[in-house]
C-alpha atoms as a PDB file:
ATOM      1  CA  MET A   1       8.183 -86.426 -68.642  1.00  0.00           C
ATOM      2  CA  SER A   2      10.184 -84.361 -66.199  1.00  0.00           C
ATOM      3  CA  GLY A   3      13.778 -83.173 -66.543  1.00  0.00           C
ATOM      4  CA  ILE A   4      15.567 -83.995 -63.315  1.00  0.00           C
ATOM      5  CA  HIS A   5      19.238 -83.348 -62.890  1.00  0.00           C
ATOM      6  CA  PRO A   6      21.132 -86.438 -61.587  1.00  0.00           C
ATOM      7  CA  SER A   7      22.487 -84.485 -58.581  1.00  0.00           C
ATOM      8  CA  ALA A   8      19.020 -83.514 -57.383  1.00  0.00           C
ATOM      9  CA  ILE A   9      17.628 -85.444 -54.314  1.00  0.00           C
ATOM     10  CA  ILE A  10      13.939 -86.286 -54.452  1.00  0.00           C
ATOM     11  CA  GLU A  11      12.770 -88.138 -51.410  1.00  0.00           C
ATOM     12  CA  ASP A  12      10.281 -91.047 -51.591  1.00  0.00           C
ATOM     13  CA  GLY A  13       6.724 -89.726 -51.477  1.00  0.00           C
ATOM     14  CA  ALA A  14       7.272 -86.474 -53.327  1.00  0.00           C
ATOM     15  CA  GLN A  15       4.846 -85.942 -56.263  1.00  0.00           C
ATOM     16  CA  ILE A  16       6.346 -84.396 -59.373  1.00  0.00           C
ATOM     17  CA  GLY A  17       3.984 -83.116 -62.070  1.00  0.00           C
ATOM     18  CA  GLU A  18       4.389 -83.489 -65.779  1.00  0.00           C
ATOM     19  CA  GLY A  19       7.049 -81.394 -67.535  1.00  0.00           C
ATOM     20  CA  CYS A  20       8.814 -80.245 -64.386  1.00  0.00           C
ATOM     21  CA  THR A  21      12.429 -79.141 -64.504  1.00  0.00           C
ATOM     22  CA  ILE A  22      14.541 -79.756 -61.353  1.00  0.00           C
ATOM     23  CA  GLY A  23      18.051 -78.398 -61.594  1.00  0.00           C
ATOM     24  CA  PRO A  24      21.359 -79.376 -59.968  1.00  0.00           C
ATOM     25  CA  PHE A  25      21.597 -79.989 -56.239  1.00  0.00           C
ATOM     26  CA  CYS A  26      17.909 -79.353 -55.493  1.00  0.00           C
ATOM     27  CA  HIS A  27      16.424 -81.163 -52.487  1.00  0.00           C
ATOM     28  CA  ILE A  28      12.703 -82.116 -52.553  1.00  0.00           C
ATOM     29  CA  GLY A  29      11.127 -83.460 -49.298  1.00  0.00           C
ATOM     30  CA  PRO A  30       8.788 -86.474 -49.134  1.00  0.00           C
ATOM     31  CA  GLN A  31       5.575 -84.377 -48.577  1.00  0.00           C
ATOM     32  CA  VAL A  32       6.143 -81.904 -51.438  1.00  0.00           C
ATOM     33  CA  ARG A  33       3.808 -81.798 -54.425  1.00  0.00           C
ATOM     34  CA  LEU A  34       4.887 -79.948 -57.570  1.00  0.00           C
ATOM     35  CA  GLY A  35       2.281 -79.111 -60.279  1.00  0.00           C
ATOM     36  CA  ASP A  36       2.930 -79.446 -63.909  1.00  0.00           C
ATOM     37  CA  ARG A  37       5.767 -77.486 -65.541  1.00  0.00           C
ATOM     38  CA  VAL A  38       7.269 -76.225 -62.269  1.00  0.00           C
ATOM     39  CA  GLU A  39      10.832 -75.211 -62.782  1.00  0.00           C
ATOM     40  CA  LEU A  40      13.451 -75.269 -60.053  1.00  0.00           C
ATOM     41  CA  LYS A  41      16.830 -73.711 -60.725  1.00  0.00           C
ATOM     42  CA  SER A  42      19.891 -75.085 -59.004  1.00  0.00           C
ATOM     43  CA  HIS A  43      20.241 -75.477 -55.141  1.00  0.00           C
ATOM     44  CA  VAL A  44      16.500 -75.066 -54.325  1.00  0.00           C
ATOM     45  CA  VAL A  45      15.249 -76.668 -51.100  1.00  0.00           C
ATOM     46  CA  ILE A  46      11.579 -77.492 -50.879  1.00  0.00           C
ATOM     47  CA  THR A  47      10.428 -79.334 -47.781  1.00  0.00           C
ATOM     48  CA  GLY A  48       7.447 -79.766 -45.451  1.00  0.00           C
ATOM     49  CA  ALA A  49       3.884 -80.353 -46.595  1.00  0.00           C
ATOM     50  CA  THR A  50       4.281 -77.963 -49.474  1.00  0.00           C
ATOM     51  CA  SER A  51       2.229 -77.752 -52.733  1.00  0.00           C
ATOM     52  CA  ILE A  52       3.335 -75.599 -55.676  1.00  0.00           C
ATOM     53  CA  GLY A  53       1.066 -74.735 -58.558  1.00  0.00           C
ATOM     54  CA  GLU A  54       1.696 -75.118 -62.286  1.00  0.00           C
ATOM     55  CA  ASP A  55       4.216 -73.041 -64.176  1.00  0.00           C
ATOM     56  CA  THR A  56       5.857 -71.610 -61.084  1.00  0.00           C
ATOM     57  CA  VAL A  57       9.578 -70.899 -61.261  1.00  0.00           C
ATOM     58  CA  ILE A  58      11.843 -70.945 -58.186  1.00  0.00           C
ATOM     59  CA  PHE A  59      15.365 -69.640 -58.394  1.00  0.00           C
ATOM     60  CA  SER A  60      18.627 -70.794 -56.750  1.00  0.00           C
ATOM     61  CA  PHE A  61      19.065 -70.994 -53.018  1.00  0.00           C
ATOM     62  CA  ALA A  62      15.429 -70.404 -52.148  1.00  0.00           C
ATOM     63  CA  VAL A  63      14.213 -72.417 -49.120  1.00  0.00           C
ATOM     64  CA  VAL A  64      10.465 -73.122 -49.300  1.00  0.00           C
ATOM     65  CA  GLY A  65       8.401 -74.935 -46.741  1.00  0.00           C
ATOM     66  CA  GLU A  66      10.720 -74.971 -43.738  1.00  0.00           C
ATOM     67  CA  ILE A  67       9.299 -74.846 -40.228  1.00  0.00           C
ATOM     68  CA  PRO A  68       8.253 -71.503 -38.747  1.00  0.00           C
ATOM     69  CA  GLN A  69      10.706 -69.224 -36.958  1.00  0.00           C
ATOM     70  CA  ASP A  70       8.395 -69.356 -33.969  1.00  0.00           C
ATOM     71  CA  LYS A  71       9.500 -70.663 -30.526  1.00  0.00           C
ATOM     72  CA  LYS A  72       5.934 -71.961 -29.862  1.00  0.00           C
ATOM     73  CA  PHE A  73       6.085 -74.314 -32.832  1.00  0.00           C
ATOM     74  CA  GLY A  74       6.289 -77.901 -31.637  1.00  0.00           C
ATOM     75  CA  GLY A  75       6.491 -79.860 -34.857  1.00  0.00           C
ATOM     76  CA  GLU A  76       2.763 -79.763 -35.704  1.00  0.00           C
ATOM     77  CA  ASN A  77       1.617 -80.906 -39.100  1.00  0.00           C
ATOM     78  CA  THR A  78       1.185 -77.659 -40.905  1.00  0.00           C
ATOM     79  CA  ARG A  79       1.280 -76.685 -44.638  1.00  0.00           C
ATOM     80  CA  LEU A  80       2.335 -74.295 -47.285  1.00  0.00           C
ATOM     81  CA  GLU A  81       0.222 -73.757 -50.429  1.00  0.00           C
ATOM     82  CA  ILE A  82       1.631 -71.752 -53.377  1.00  0.00           C
ATOM     83  CA  GLY A  83      -0.416 -71.104 -56.467  1.00  0.00           C
ATOM     84  CA  GLU A  84       0.341 -70.930 -60.175  1.00  0.00           C
ATOM     85  CA  ARG A  85       2.699 -68.973 -62.272  1.00  0.00           C
ATOM     86  CA  ASN A  86       4.627 -67.424 -59.399  1.00  0.00           C
ATOM     87  CA  ARG A  87       8.216 -66.276 -59.686  1.00  0.00           C
ATOM     88  CA  ILE A  88      10.219 -66.888 -56.487  1.00  0.00           C
ATOM     89  CA  ARG A  89      13.677 -65.465 -56.755  1.00  0.00           C
ATOM     90  CA  GLU A  90      17.029 -66.170 -55.140  1.00  0.00           C
ATOM     91  CA  HIS A  91      17.307 -66.649 -51.363  1.00  0.00           C
ATOM     92  CA  VAL A  92      13.537 -66.278 -50.684  1.00  0.00           C
ATOM     93  CA  THR A  93      12.392 -68.078 -47.551  1.00  0.00           C
ATOM     94  CA  ILE A  94       8.756 -69.163 -47.048  1.00  0.00           C
ATOM     95  CA  ASN A  95       7.637 -70.993 -43.930  1.00  0.00           C
ATOM     96  CA  THR A  96       4.739 -73.310 -43.220  1.00  0.00           C
ATOM     97  CA  GLY A  97       1.919 -72.356 -40.859  1.00  0.00           C
ATOM     98  CA  THR A  98       1.339 -72.945 -37.154  1.00  0.00           C
ATOM     99  CA  ASP A  99      -1.576 -74.509 -35.342  1.00  0.00           C
ATOM    100  CA  GLY A 100      -2.247 -71.188 -33.610  1.00  0.00           C
ATOM    101  CA  GLY A 101      -2.528 -69.375 -36.919  1.00  0.00           C
ATOM    102  CA  GLY A 102      -4.737 -71.730 -38.868  1.00  0.00           C
ATOM    103  CA  GLY A 103      -1.969 -74.168 -39.915  1.00  0.00           C
ATOM    104  CA  VAL A 104      -1.482 -72.873 -43.494  1.00  0.00           C
ATOM    105  CA  THR A 105       0.676 -70.267 -45.196  1.00  0.00           C
ATOM    106  CA  ARG A 106      -0.782 -69.355 -48.633  1.00  0.00           C
ATOM    107  CA  ILE A 107       0.459 -67.564 -51.681  1.00  0.00           C
ATOM    108  CA  GLY A 108      -1.922 -66.940 -54.655  1.00  0.00           C
ATOM    109  CA  ASP A 109      -1.255 -66.830 -58.377  1.00  0.00           C
ATOM    110  CA  ASP A 110       1.009 -64.695 -60.528  1.00  0.00           C
ATOM    111  CA  CYS A 111       3.057 -63.290 -57.648  1.00  0.00           C
ATOM    112  CA  LEU A 112       6.650 -62.065 -57.808  1.00  0.00           C
ATOM    113  CA  LEU A 113       8.868 -62.483 -54.725  1.00  0.00           C
ATOM    114  CA  MET A 114      12.164 -60.843 -55.406  1.00  0.00           C
ATOM    115  CA  ALA A 115      15.527 -61.829 -53.987  1.00  0.00           C
ATOM    116  CA  GLY A 116      15.788 -62.202 -50.195  1.00  0.00           C
ATOM    117  CA  VAL A 117      12.056 -61.895 -49.460  1.00  0.00           C
ATOM    118  CA  HIS A 118      10.825 -63.572 -46.326  1.00  0.00           C
ATOM    119  CA  VAL A 119       7.219 -64.836 -45.917  1.00  0.00           C
ATOM    120  CA  ALA A 120       6.605 -65.981 -42.293  1.00  0.00           C
ATOM    121  CA  HIS A 121       4.209 -68.561 -40.885  1.00  0.00           C
ATOM    122  CA  ASP A 122       0.430 -68.236 -41.502  1.00  0.00           C
ATOM    123  CA  VAL A 123       0.835 -65.361 -43.898  1.00  0.00           C
ATOM    124  CA  GLN A 124      -1.909 -65.152 -46.588  1.00  0.00           C
ATOM    125  CA  ILE A 125      -0.950 -63.505 -49.844  1.00  0.00           C
ATOM    126  CA  GLY A 126      -3.351 -62.926 -52.699  1.00  0.00           C
ATOM    127  CA  ASN A 127      -2.842 -62.769 -56.453  1.00  0.00           C
ATOM    128  CA  ARG A 128      -0.477 -60.559 -58.475  1.00  0.00           C
ATOM    129  CA  VAL A 129       1.418 -59.404 -55.346  1.00  0.00           C
ATOM    130  CA  ILE A 130       4.977 -58.076 -55.773  1.00  0.00           C
ATOM    131  CA  MET A 131       7.378 -58.134 -52.837  1.00  0.00           C
ATOM    132  CA  VAL A 132      10.575 -56.315 -53.748  1.00  0.00           C
ATOM    133  CA  ASN A 133      14.112 -57.391 -52.682  1.00  0.00           C
ATOM    134  CA  HIS A 134      14.440 -58.178 -48.969  1.00  0.00           C
ATOM    135  CA  ALA A 135      10.872 -57.203 -48.016  1.00  0.00           C
ATOM    136  CA  GLY A 136       9.454 -59.231 -45.213  1.00  0.00           C
ATOM    137  CA  ALA A 137       5.957 -60.195 -43.993  1.00  0.00           C
ATOM    138  CA  ALA A 138       5.914 -61.320 -40.312  1.00  0.00           C
ATOM    139  CA  GLY A 139       3.526 -64.054 -39.005  1.00  0.00           C
ATOM    140  CA  HIS A 140      -0.205 -63.908 -39.747  1.00  0.00           C
ATOM    141  CA  CYS A 141      -0.099 -61.022 -42.122  1.00  0.00           C
ATOM    142  CA  ILE A 142      -2.682 -60.728 -44.872  1.00  0.00           C
ATOM    143  CA  ILE A 143      -1.709 -59.171 -48.132  1.00  0.00           C
ATOM    144  CA  GLU A 144      -4.582 -58.789 -50.557  1.00  0.00           C
ATOM    145  CA  ASP A 145      -4.492 -58.831 -54.428  1.00  0.00           C
ATOM    146  CA  ASP A 146      -2.399 -56.404 -56.447  1.00  0.00           C
ATOM    147  CA  VAL A 147      -0.225 -55.094 -53.537  1.00  0.00           C
ATOM    148  CA  ILE A 148       3.371 -53.937 -54.037  1.00  0.00           C
ATOM    149  CA  VAL A 149       5.655 -54.053 -50.989  1.00  0.00           C
ATOM    150  CA  GLY A 150       8.816 -52.001 -51.563  1.00  0.00           C
ATOM    151  CA  GLY A 151      12.383 -53.188 -51.030  1.00  0.00           C
ATOM    152  CA  ILE A 152      13.705 -53.663 -47.444  1.00  0.00           C
ATOM    153  CA  SER A 153      10.246 -53.042 -46.000  1.00  0.00           C
ATOM    154  CA  GLY A 154       8.681 -54.970 -43.141  1.00  0.00           C
ATOM    155  CA  LEU A 155       5.075 -55.751 -42.237  1.00  0.00           C
ATOM    156  CA  HIS A 156       4.474 -56.268 -38.497  1.00  0.00           C
ATOM    157  CA  GLN A 157       2.848 -59.533 -37.504  1.00  0.00           C
ATOM    158  CA  PHE A 158      -1.012 -59.611 -37.928  1.00  0.00           C
ATOM    159  CA  VAL A 159      -0.975 -56.515 -40.237  1.00  0.00           C
ATOM    160  CA  ARG A 160      -3.437 -56.512 -43.137  1.00  0.00           C
ATOM    161  CA  VAL A 161      -2.685 -54.729 -46.398  1.00  0.00           C
ATOM    162  CA  GLY A 162      -5.750 -53.970 -48.525  1.00  0.00           C
ATOM    163  CA  ARG A 163      -5.910 -54.723 -52.222  1.00  0.00           C
ATOM    164  CA  GLY A 164      -4.144 -52.375 -54.621  1.00  0.00           C
ATOM    165  CA  ALA A 165      -2.107 -50.722 -51.900  1.00  0.00           C
ATOM    166  CA  ILE A 166       1.567 -49.861 -52.276  1.00  0.00           C
ATOM    167  CA  ILE A 167       4.244 -49.756 -49.611  1.00  0.00           C
ATOM    168  CA  GLY A 168       7.347 -47.574 -50.295  1.00  0.00           C
ATOM    169  CA  ALA A 169      10.898 -48.826 -49.868  1.00  0.00           C
ATOM    170  CA  LEU A 170      12.561 -48.787 -46.410  1.00  0.00           C
ATOM    171  CA  THR A 171       9.237 -48.738 -44.634  1.00  0.00           C
ATOM    172  CA  MET A 172       8.033 -50.325 -41.388  1.00  0.00           C
ATOM    173  CA  VAL A 173       4.299 -51.003 -41.476  1.00  0.00           C
ATOM    174  CA  PRO A 174       2.961 -51.437 -37.879  1.00  0.00           C
ATOM    175  CA  ASN A 175      -0.758 -51.068 -38.604  1.00  0.00           C
ATOM    176  CA  ASP A 176      -3.403 -52.100 -41.239  1.00  0.00           C
ATOM    177  CA  VAL A 177      -3.318 -50.366 -44.665  1.00  0.00           C
ATOM    178  CA  ILE A 178      -6.545 -49.469 -46.430  1.00  0.00           C
ATOM    179  CA  PRO A 179      -7.153 -50.719 -49.955  1.00  0.00           C
ATOM    180  CA  TYR A 180      -5.509 -48.558 -52.615  1.00  0.00           C
ATOM    181  CA  GLY A 181      -3.494 -46.754 -50.006  1.00  0.00           C
ATOM    182  CA  LEU A 182      -0.022 -45.324 -50.487  1.00  0.00           C
ATOM    183  CA  VAL A 183       2.346 -45.837 -47.504  1.00  0.00           C
ATOM    184  CA  GLN A 184       5.795 -44.328 -47.121  1.00  0.00           C
ATOM    185  CA  ALA A 185       8.290 -42.998 -44.588  1.00  0.00           C
ATOM    186  CA  PRO A 186      10.533 -45.062 -42.288  1.00  0.00           C
ATOM    187  CA  ARG A 187       7.721 -45.544 -39.803  1.00  0.00           C
ATOM    188  CA  GLY A 188       4.943 -46.089 -42.279  1.00  0.00           C
ATOM    189  CA  GLU A 189       2.559 -43.206 -42.841  1.00  0.00           C
ATOM    190  CA  LEU A 190      -0.589 -43.321 -45.031  1.00  0.00           C
ATOM    191  CA  ASP A 191       0.255 -40.556 -47.491  1.00  0.00           C
ATOM    192  CA  GLY A 192      -2.422 -40.798 -50.202  1.00  0.00           C
ATOM    193  CA  LEU A 193      -3.771 -43.218 -52.748  1.00  0.00           C
ATOM    194  CA  ASN A 194      -1.905 -45.557 -55.146  1.00  0.00           C
ATOM    195  CA  LEU A 195      -3.013 -43.485 -58.126  1.00  0.00           C
ATOM    196  CA  VAL A 196      -0.332 -44.884 -60.456  1.00  0.00           C
ATOM    197  CA  GLY A 197      -1.511 -48.430 -59.732  1.00  0.00           C
ATOM    198  CA  LEU A 198      -5.157 -47.554 -60.167  1.00  0.00           C
ATOM    199  CA  LYS A 199      -4.411 -45.953 -63.620  1.00  0.00           C
ATOM    200  CA  ARG A 200      -2.284 -48.859 -64.693  1.00  0.00           C
ATOM    201  CA  ARG A 201      -5.148 -51.217 -64.005  1.00  0.00           C
ATOM    202  CA  GLY A 202      -7.518 -49.110 -66.084  1.00  0.00           C
ATOM    203  CA  VAL A 203      -9.672 -47.789 -63.256  1.00  0.00           C
ATOM    204  CA  THR A 204     -11.961 -45.081 -64.617  1.00  0.00           C
ATOM    205  CA  ARG A 205     -11.607 -41.431 -63.899  1.00  0.00           C
ATOM    206  CA  GLU A 206     -15.012 -41.418 -62.171  1.00  0.00           C
ATOM    207  CA  ASP A 207     -13.895 -44.235 -59.798  1.00  0.00           C
ATOM    208  CA  ILE A 208     -10.604 -42.524 -59.033  1.00  0.00           C
ATOM    209  CA  SER A 209     -12.534 -39.279 -58.295  1.00  0.00           C
ATOM    210  CA  ALA A 210     -14.763 -41.234 -55.872  1.00  0.00           C
ATOM    211  CA  LEU A 211     -11.728 -42.653 -54.183  1.00  0.00           C
ATOM    212  CA  ARG A 212     -10.145 -39.203 -53.838  1.00  0.00           C
ATOM    213  CA  ALA A 213     -13.334 -37.850 -52.210  1.00  0.00           C
ATOM    214  CA  ALA A 214     -13.449 -40.778 -49.846  1.00  0.00           C
ATOM    215  CA  PHE A 215      -9.822 -40.368 -48.841  1.00  0.00           C
ATOM    216  CA  LYS A 216     -10.454 -36.652 -48.201  1.00  0.00           C
ATOM    217  CA  GLU A 217     -13.405 -37.510 -45.978  1.00  0.00           C
ATOM    218  CA  LEU A 218     -11.376 -40.054 -44.039  1.00  0.00           C
ATOM    219  CA  SER A 219      -8.639 -37.502 -43.614  1.00  0.00           C
ATOM    220  CA  GLU A 220     -10.674 -34.448 -42.743  1.00  0.00           C
ATOM    221  CA  GLY A 221     -14.119 -35.389 -41.565  1.00  0.00           C
ATOM    222  CA  ASP A 222     -15.455 -35.051 -38.041  1.00  0.00           C
ATOM    223  CA  GLY A 223     -14.990 -37.743 -35.407  1.00  0.00           C
ATOM    224  CA  THR A 224     -12.553 -40.630 -35.298  1.00  0.00           C
ATOM    225  CA  PHE A 225     -11.158 -42.450 -38.298  1.00  0.00           C
ATOM    226  CA  MET A 226     -13.573 -45.329 -37.529  1.00  0.00           C
ATOM    227  CA  ASP A 227     -16.519 -42.843 -37.153  1.00  0.00           C
ATOM    228  CA  ARG A 228     -15.793 -41.417 -40.637  1.00  0.00           C
ATOM    229  CA  ALA A 229     -15.578 -44.863 -42.181  1.00  0.00           C
ATOM    230  CA  HIS A 230     -18.965 -45.981 -40.717  1.00  0.00           C
ATOM    231  CA  ARG A 231     -20.531 -42.673 -41.832  1.00  0.00           C
ATOM    232  CA  MET A 232     -19.123 -43.042 -45.270  1.00  0.00           C
ATOM    233  CA  GLY A 233     -20.577 -46.527 -45.502  1.00  0.00           C
ATOM    234  CA  GLU A 234     -24.175 -45.344 -44.929  1.00  0.00           C
ATOM    235  CA  ASP A 235     -24.715 -44.231 -48.528  1.00  0.00           C
ATOM    236  CA  VAL A 236     -21.732 -45.607 -50.450  1.00  0.00           C
ATOM    237  CA  ASP A 237     -22.475 -46.249 -54.110  1.00  0.00           C
ATOM    238  CA  ASN A 238     -18.989 -46.847 -55.479  1.00  0.00           C
ATOM    239  CA  GLU A 239     -17.508 -50.348 -55.446  1.00  0.00           C
ATOM    240  CA  TYR A 240     -13.935 -49.115 -54.754  1.00  0.00           C
ATOM    241  CA  VAL A 241     -15.037 -46.998 -51.953  1.00  0.00           C
ATOM    242  CA  ARG A 242     -17.170 -49.850 -50.558  1.00  0.00           C
ATOM    243  CA  GLN A 243     -14.062 -52.039 -50.465  1.00  0.00           C
ATOM    244  CA  ILE A 244     -12.359 -49.442 -48.275  1.00  0.00           C
ATOM    245  CA  VAL A 245     -15.351 -49.153 -45.932  1.00  0.00           C
ATOM    246  CA  GLU A 246     -15.674 -52.945 -45.530  1.00  0.00           C
ATOM    247  CA  PHE A 247     -11.942 -53.287 -44.930  1.00  0.00           C
ATOM    248  CA  VAL A 248     -11.938 -50.676 -42.199  1.00  0.00           C
ATOM    249  CA  THR A 249     -15.222 -51.699 -40.481  1.00  0.00           C
ATOM    250  CA  GLY A 250     -14.397 -55.464 -40.706  1.00  0.00           C
ATOM    251  CA  ASN A 251     -12.907 -57.669 -38.092  1.00  0.00           C
ATOM    252  CA  THR A 252      -9.327 -56.730 -37.083  1.00  0.00           C
ATOM    253  CA  ASP A 253      -7.409 -56.628 -33.845  1.00  0.00           C
ATOM    254  CA  ARG A 254      -5.053 -53.926 -35.136  1.00  0.00           C
ATOM    255  CA  SER A 255      -5.485 -50.165 -35.621  1.00  0.00           C
ATOM    256  CA  PHE A 256      -5.020 -48.460 -38.992  1.00  0.00           C
ATOM    257  CA  LEU A 257      -2.496 -46.263 -40.574  1.00  0.00           C
ATOM    258  CA  THR A 258      -4.575 -43.057 -40.921  1.00  0.00           C
ATOM    259  CA  PRO A 259      -4.269 -40.233 -43.343  1.00  0.00           C
ATOM    260  CA  ARG A 260      -1.966 -37.326 -42.437  1.00  0.00           C
ATOM    261  CA  LYS A 261      -3.893 -34.054 -41.878  1.00  0.00           C
END
């Protein structure tokens, strides 16, 4: 059974899972699918072709699944997919995808989107991501697992943020961020490794030492940043370092935030 407040509006066609709680003055569109035990506080709007996974909680005045803020959008049938056990706080806005960006905006499992966060069209967010109050991800961004984006920070469209990275507060991120990177300053600068995050996740001292050595080589080695990454990949034997090499040498149309010398 689901607990639905009598003032809530649930349009015909919406699919509501077992044990859901839908609070006062919520509005659920006809293409919405809620998994089991989803909880909506009061005044939540969920629209579009939006699916929300089990045990997710959405707080008051969030608007989830509205059309993209993109002038090229012409009403195409695009989607939003949100995973399980997420916490989506007050006034968060999350848009569906666009045809030009693959048609789907995705959020993984166990994420926390704090008050006022914006997730734009075609953004792909992994698992256990935290976006602090009023952070924003512009269209087509990719945020990998275990990333923290600080408050009032913004990711430029198409930027990738590698797993385990941390973005400081009040930071604009115009370029890709390597896995486990630490970015800060008003115009984002790669300023080291997210050592606190690595230690909290139980990464061994040996792995952290390997990451430190890799970061130093990327910072101080001969040639361009890309040259150093390719050279480092020739004999890499550490999984964490391999993730950085593959991220840098993979397919991207953007340049990278590079270490300060």
